[in-house]
């Protein structure tokens, strides 16, 4: 379990999927999302580029 500097514990898991364009990343994540929610888990989805901080770093890396 991850812990913030103030001691707050963050339960959960982080899934990261990499692959070339058209490799089916979005399709697989959609299937995993449906499977986990059907099993009763709470799921949050975020794309890396939705964060201005991450988008800026990604753009520099290209």
PDB file of N, CA and C in Angstrom:
ATOM      1  N   UNK A   1       0.843  -1.169   0.000  1.00  0.00           N
ATOM      2  CA  UNK A   1       0.000   0.000   0.000  1.00  0.00           C
ATOM      3  C   UNK A   1       0.893   1.238   0.000  1.00  0.00           C
ATOM      4  N   UNK A   2       0.574   2.200  -0.852  1.00  0.00           N
ATOM      5  CA  UNK A   2       1.353   3.438  -0.928  1.00  0.00           C
ATOM      6  C   UNK A   2       1.003   4.356   0.237  1.00  0.00           C
ATOM      7  N   UNK A   3       1.960   5.158   0.639  1.00  0.00           N
ATOM      8  CA  UNK A   3       1.761   6.092   1.743  1.00  0.00           C
ATOM      9  C   UNK A   3       2.255   7.477   1.343  1.00  0.00           C
ATOM     10  N   UNK A   4       1.437   8.496   1.598  1.00  0.00           N
ATOM     11  CA  UNK A   4       1.827   9.879   1.347  1.00  0.00           C
ATOM     12  C   UNK A   4       2.795  10.346   2.427  1.00  0.00           C
ATOM     13  N   UNK A   5       3.527  11.441   2.171  1.00  0.00           N
ATOM     14  CA  UNK A   5       4.466  11.947   3.179  1.00  0.00           C
ATOM     15  C   UNK A   5       3.826  12.237   4.539  1.00  0.00           C
ATOM     16  N   UNK A   6       2.529  12.588   4.543  1.00  0.00           N
ATOM     17  CA  UNK A   6       1.860  12.876   5.820  1.00  0.00           C
ATOM     18  C   UNK A   6       1.366  11.618   6.530  1.00  0.00           C
ATOM     19  N   UNK A   7       1.643  10.447   5.958  1.00  0.00           N
ATOM     20  CA  UNK A   7       1.250   9.191   6.579  1.00  0.00           C
ATOM     21  C   UNK A   7      -0.061   8.612   6.076  1.00  0.00           C
ATOM     22  N   UNK A   8      -0.787   9.362   5.242  1.00  0.00           N
ATOM     23  CA  UNK A   8      -2.046   8.874   4.682  1.00  0.00           C
ATOM     24  C   UNK A   8      -1.768   7.678   3.777  1.00  0.00           C
ATOM     25  N   UNK A   9      -2.489   6.585   4.024  1.00  0.00           N
ATOM     26  CA  UNK A   9      -2.292   5.394   3.204  1.00  0.00           C
ATOM     27  C   UNK A   9      -3.251   5.413   2.020  1.00  0.00           C
ATOM     28  N   UNK A  10      -2.735   5.000   0.888  1.00  0.00           N
ATOM     29  CA  UNK A  10      -3.513   4.973  -0.345  1.00  0.00           C
ATOM     30  C   UNK A  10      -3.722   3.526  -0.774  1.00  0.00           C
ATOM     31  N   UNK A  11      -4.898   2.976  -0.501  1.00  0.00           N
ATOM     32  CA  UNK A  11      -5.153   1.601  -0.914  1.00  0.00           C
ATOM     33  C   UNK A  11      -5.371   1.537  -2.420  1.00  0.00           C
ATOM     34  N   UNK A  12      -5.139   0.412  -2.990  1.00  0.00           N
ATOM     35  CA  UNK A  12      -5.428   0.239  -4.404  1.00  0.00           C
ATOM     36  C   UNK A  12      -4.213  -0.193  -5.198  1.00  0.00           C
ATOM     37  N   UNK A  13      -4.435  -0.293  -6.484  1.00  0.00           N
ATOM     38  CA  UNK A  13      -3.389  -0.725  -7.415  1.00  0.00           C
ATOM     39  C   UNK A  13      -3.340   0.247  -8.582  1.00  0.00           C
ATOM     40  N   UNK A  14      -2.174   0.372  -9.183  1.00  0.00           N
ATOM     41  CA  UNK A  14      -1.988   1.185 -10.376  1.00  0.00           C
ATOM     42  C   UNK A  14      -1.595   0.254 -11.508  1.00  0.00           C
ATOM     43  N   UNK A  15      -2.372   0.293 -12.578  1.00  0.00           N
ATOM     44  CA  UNK A  15      -2.070  -0.500 -13.763  1.00  0.00           C
ATOM     45  C   UNK A  15      -1.566   0.446 -14.841  1.00  0.00           C
ATOM     46  N   UNK A  16      -0.442   0.113 -15.429  1.00  0.00           N
ATOM     47  CA  UNK A  16       0.120   0.907 -16.516  1.00  0.00           C
ATOM     48  C   UNK A  16       0.247  -0.003 -17.724  1.00  0.00           C
ATOM     49  N   UNK A  17      -0.247   0.484 -18.863  1.00  0.00           N
ATOM     50  CA  UNK A  17      -0.212  -0.309 -20.082  1.00  0.00           C
ATOM     51  C   UNK A  17       0.569   0.463 -21.137  1.00  0.00           C
ATOM     52  N   UNK A  18       1.553  -0.197 -21.719  1.00  0.00           N
ATOM     53  CA  UNK A  18       2.356   0.411 -22.772  1.00  0.00           C
ATOM     54  C   UNK A  18       2.190  -0.385 -24.055  1.00  0.00           C
ATOM     55  N   UNK A  19       2.375   0.275 -25.169  1.00  0.00           N
ATOM     56  CA  UNK A  19       2.330  -0.406 -26.449  1.00  0.00           C
ATOM     57  C   UNK A  19       2.290   0.598 -27.579  1.00  0.00           C
ATOM     58  N   UNK A  20       2.568   0.127 -28.767  1.00  0.00           N
ATOM     59  CA  UNK A  20       2.553   1.006 -29.930  1.00  0.00           C
ATOM     60  C   UNK A  20       1.115   1.335 -30.312  1.00  0.00           C
ATOM     61  N   UNK A  21       0.945   2.380 -31.121  1.00  0.00           N
ATOM     62  CA  UNK A  21      -0.378   2.768 -31.592  1.00  0.00           C
ATOM     63  C   UNK A  21      -1.047   1.587 -32.291  1.00  0.00           C
ATOM     64  N   UNK A  22      -2.317   1.376 -31.968  1.00  0.00           N
ATOM     65  CA  UNK A  22      -3.080   0.321 -32.610  1.00  0.00           C
ATOM     66  C   UNK A  22      -2.860  -1.064 -32.033  1.00  0.00           C
ATOM     67  N   UNK A  23      -2.158  -1.166 -30.914  1.00  0.00           N
ATOM     68  CA  UNK A  23      -1.865  -2.492 -30.351  1.00  0.00           C
ATOM     69  C   UNK A  23      -2.984  -3.038 -29.467  1.00  0.00           C
ATOM     70  N   UNK A  24      -4.019  -2.226 -29.201  1.00  0.00           N
ATOM     71  CA  UNK A  24      -5.151  -2.712 -28.417  1.00  0.00           C
ATOM     72  C   UNK A  24      -5.127  -2.319 -26.951  1.00  0.00           C
ATOM     73  N   UNK A  25      -4.321  -1.330 -26.599  1.00  0.00           N
ATOM     74  CA  UNK A  25      -4.225  -0.901 -25.194  1.00  0.00           C
ATOM     75  C   UNK A  25      -5.576  -0.454 -24.656  1.00  0.00           C
ATOM     76  N   UNK A  26      -6.248   0.408 -25.392  1.00  0.00           N
ATOM     77  CA  UNK A  26      -7.545   0.926 -24.935  1.00  0.00           C
ATOM     78  C   UNK A  26      -8.577  -0.181 -24.830  1.00  0.00           C
ATOM     79  N   UNK A  27      -8.563  -1.094 -25.775  1.00  0.00           N
ATOM     80  CA  UNK A  27      -9.497  -2.224 -25.753  1.00  0.00           C
ATOM     81  C   UNK A  27      -9.266  -3.082 -24.518  1.00  0.00           C
ATOM     82  N   UNK A  28      -8.019  -3.401 -24.230  1.00  0.00           N
ATOM     83  CA  UNK A  28      -7.707  -4.229 -23.065  1.00  0.00           C
ATOM     84  C   UNK A  28      -8.068  -3.530 -21.763  1.00  0.00           C
ATOM     85  N   UNK A  29      -7.775  -2.219 -21.679  1.00  0.00           N
ATOM     86  CA  UNK A  29      -8.119  -1.475 -20.466  1.00  0.00           C
ATOM     87  C   UNK A  29      -9.625  -1.404 -20.272  1.00  0.00           C
ATOM     88  N   UNK A  30     -10.367  -1.270 -21.367  1.00  0.00           N
ATOM     89  CA  UNK A  30     -11.826  -1.258 -21.269  1.00  0.00           C
ATOM     90  C   UNK A  30     -12.334  -2.597 -20.737  1.00  0.00           C
ATOM     91  N   UNK A  31     -11.774  -3.686 -21.227  1.00  0.00           N
ATOM     92  CA  UNK A  31     -12.181  -5.016 -20.759  1.00  0.00           C
ATOM     93  C   UNK A  31     -11.838  -5.221 -19.282  1.00  0.00           C
ATOM     94  N   UNK A  32     -10.648  -4.794 -18.863  1.00  0.00           N
ATOM     95  CA  UNK A  32     -10.252  -4.918 -17.453  1.00  0.00           C
ATOM     96  C   UNK A  32     -11.152  -4.056 -16.577  1.00  0.00           C
ATOM     97  N   UNK A  33     -11.467  -2.845 -17.048  1.00  0.00           N
ATOM     98  CA  UNK A  33     -12.360  -1.943 -16.305  1.00  0.00           C
ATOM     99  C   UNK A  33     -13.719  -2.605 -16.081  1.00  0.00           C
ATOM    100  N   UNK A  34     -14.292  -3.153 -17.147  1.00  0.00           N
ATOM    101  CA  UNK A  34     -15.601  -3.819 -17.038  1.00  0.00           C
ATOM    102  C   UNK A  34     -15.525  -5.023 -16.100  1.00  0.00           C
ATOM    103  N   UNK A  35     -14.476  -5.797 -16.204  1.00  0.00           N
ATOM    104  CA  UNK A  35     -14.307  -6.993 -15.378  1.00  0.00           C
ATOM    105  C   UNK A  35     -14.204  -6.619 -13.904  1.00  0.00           C
ATOM    106  N   UNK A  36     -13.390  -5.609 -13.594  1.00  0.00           N
ATOM    107  CA  UNK A  36     -13.207  -5.206 -12.199  1.00  0.00           C
ATOM    108  C   UNK A  36     -14.472  -4.590 -11.611  1.00  0.00           C
ATOM    109  N   UNK A  37     -15.172  -3.749 -12.375  1.00  0.00           N
ATOM    110  CA  UNK A  37     -16.396  -3.142 -11.841  1.00  0.00           C
ATOM    111  C   UNK A  37     -17.484  -4.194 -11.656  1.00  0.00           C
ATOM    112  N   UNK A  38     -17.547  -5.164 -12.559  1.00  0.00           N
ATOM    113  CA  UNK A  38     -18.512  -6.255 -12.413  1.00  0.00           C
ATOM    114  C   UNK A  38     -18.214  -7.068 -11.153  1.00  0.00           C
ATOM    115  N   UNK A  39     -16.933  -7.186 -10.819  1.00  0.00           N
ATOM    116  CA  UNK A  39     -16.523  -7.923  -9.619  1.00  0.00           C
ATOM    117  C   UNK A  39     -16.692  -7.092  -8.347  1.00  0.00           C
ATOM    118  N   UNK A  40     -17.150  -5.839  -8.496  1.00  0.00           N
ATOM    119  CA  UNK A  40     -17.426  -5.007  -7.331  1.00  0.00           C
ATOM    120  C   UNK A  40     -16.321  -4.047  -6.921  1.00  0.00           C
ATOM    121  N   UNK A  41     -15.284  -3.942  -7.736  1.00  0.00           N
ATOM    122  CA  UNK A  41     -14.187  -3.023  -7.412  1.00  0.00           C
ATOM    123  C   UNK A  41     -14.488  -1.618  -7.938  1.00  0.00           C
ATOM    124  N   UNK A  42     -14.010  -0.615  -7.214  1.00  0.00           N
ATOM    125  CA  UNK A  42     -14.094   0.762  -7.696  1.00  0.00           C
ATOM    126  C   UNK A  42     -12.899   0.993  -8.619  1.00  0.00           C
ATOM    127  N   UNK A  43     -13.160   1.578  -9.780  1.00  0.00           N
ATOM    128  CA  UNK A  43     -12.104   1.770 -10.772  1.00  0.00           C
ATOM    129  C   UNK A  43     -12.071   3.231 -11.203  1.00  0.00           C
ATOM    130  N   UNK A  44     -10.880   3.801 -11.259  1.00  0.00           N
ATOM    131  CA  UNK A  44     -10.684   5.151 -11.787  1.00  0.00           C
ATOM    132  C   UNK A  44      -9.740   5.041 -12.975  1.00  0.00           C
ATOM    133  N   UNK A  45     -10.051   5.760 -14.028  1.00  0.00           N
ATOM    134  CA  UNK A  45      -9.237   5.721 -15.244  1.00  0.00           C
ATOM    135  C   UNK A  45      -8.699   7.111 -15.529  1.00  0.00           C
ATOM    136  N   UNK A  46      -7.440   7.180 -15.868  1.00  0.00           N
ATOM    137  CA  UNK A  46      -6.824   8.461 -16.219  1.00  0.00           C
ATOM    138  C   UNK A  46      -5.775   8.220 -17.286  1.00  0.00           C
ATOM    139  N   UNK A  47      -5.754   9.094 -18.276  1.00  0.00           N
ATOM    140  CA  UNK A  47      -4.701   9.028 -19.280  1.00  0.00           C
ATOM    141  C   UNK A  47      -3.563   9.919 -18.826  1.00  0.00           C
ATOM    142  N   UNK A  48      -2.341   9.508 -19.114  1.00  0.00           N
ATOM    143  CA  UNK A  48      -1.189  10.294 -18.677  1.00  0.00           C
ATOM    144  C   UNK A  48      -1.273  11.724 -19.157  1.00  0.00           C
ATOM    145  N   UNK A  49      -1.660  11.926 -20.387  1.00  0.00           N
ATOM    146  CA  UNK A  49      -1.670  13.282 -20.932  1.00  0.00           C
ATOM    147  C   UNK A  49      -2.808  14.139 -20.399  1.00  0.00           C
ATOM    148  N   UNK A  50      -3.668  13.582 -19.541  1.00  0.00           N
ATOM    149  CA  UNK A  50      -4.727  14.399 -18.944  1.00  0.00           C
ATOM    150  C   UNK A  50      -4.165  15.285 -17.839  1.00  0.00           C
ATOM    151  N   UNK A  51      -2.983  14.993 -17.365  1.00  0.00           N
ATOM    152  CA  UNK A  51      -2.306  15.812 -16.360  1.00  0.00           C
ATOM    153  C   UNK A  51      -1.356  16.776 -17.070  1.00  0.00           C
ATOM    154  N   UNK A  52      -1.522  18.092 -16.867  1.00  0.00           N
ATOM    155  CA  UNK A  52      -0.620  19.052 -17.524  1.00  0.00           C
ATOM    156  C   UNK A  52       0.854  18.787 -17.203  1.00  0.00           C
ATOM    157  N   UNK A  53       1.142  18.383 -15.985  1.00  0.00           N
ATOM    158  CA  UNK A  53       2.523  18.106 -15.594  1.00  0.00           C
ATOM    159  C   UNK A  53       3.093  16.934 -16.388  1.00  0.00           C
ATOM    160  N   UNK A  54       2.324  15.875 -16.493  1.00  0.00           N
ATOM    161  CA  UNK A  54       2.791  14.690 -17.216  1.00  0.00           C
ATOM    162  C   UNK A  54       2.827  14.956 -18.713  1.00  0.00           C
ATOM    163  N   UNK A  55       1.831  15.666 -19.236  1.00  0.00           N
ATOM    164  CA  UNK A  55       1.792  15.970 -20.668  1.00  0.00           C
ATOM    165  C   UNK A  55       3.030  16.762 -21.079  1.00  0.00           C
ATOM    166  N   UNK A  56       3.439  17.704 -20.243  1.00  0.00           N
ATOM    167  CA  UNK A  56       4.619  18.518 -20.542  1.00  0.00           C
ATOM    168  C   UNK A  56       5.874  17.638 -20.583  1.00  0.00           C
ATOM    169  N   UNK A  57       6.005  16.736 -19.626  1.00  0.00           N
ATOM    170  CA  UNK A  57       7.169  15.842 -19.585  1.00  0.00           C
ATOM    171  C   UNK A  57       7.158  14.878 -20.767  1.00  0.00           C
ATOM    172  N   UNK A  58       5.986  14.380 -21.120  1.00  0.00           N
ATOM    173  CA  UNK A  58       5.868  13.461 -22.251  1.00  0.00           C
ATOM    174  C   UNK A  58       6.268  14.165 -23.538  1.00  0.00           C
ATOM    175  N   UNK A  59       5.805  15.391 -23.696  1.00  0.00           N
ATOM    176  CA  UNK A  59       6.122  16.152 -24.904  1.00  0.00           C
ATOM    177  C   UNK A  59       7.628  16.398 -25.006  1.00  0.00           C
ATOM    178  N   UNK A  60       8.279  16.713 -23.886  1.00  0.00           N
ATOM    179  CA  UNK A  60       9.730  16.919 -23.884  1.00  0.00           C
ATOM    180  C   UNK A  60      10.459  15.631 -24.250  1.00  0.00           C
ATOM    181  N   UNK A  61       9.918  14.489 -23.807  1.00  0.00           N
ATOM    182  CA  UNK A  61      10.562  13.205 -24.067  1.00  0.00           C
ATOM    183  C   UNK A  61      10.480  12.761 -25.512  1.00  0.00           C
ATOM    184  N   UNK A  62       9.513  13.284 -26.249  1.00  0.00           N
ATOM    185  CA  UNK A  62       9.360  12.897 -27.660  1.00  0.00           C
ATOM    186  C   UNK A  62      10.360  13.616 -28.461  1.00  0.00           C
TER     187      UNK A  62
END
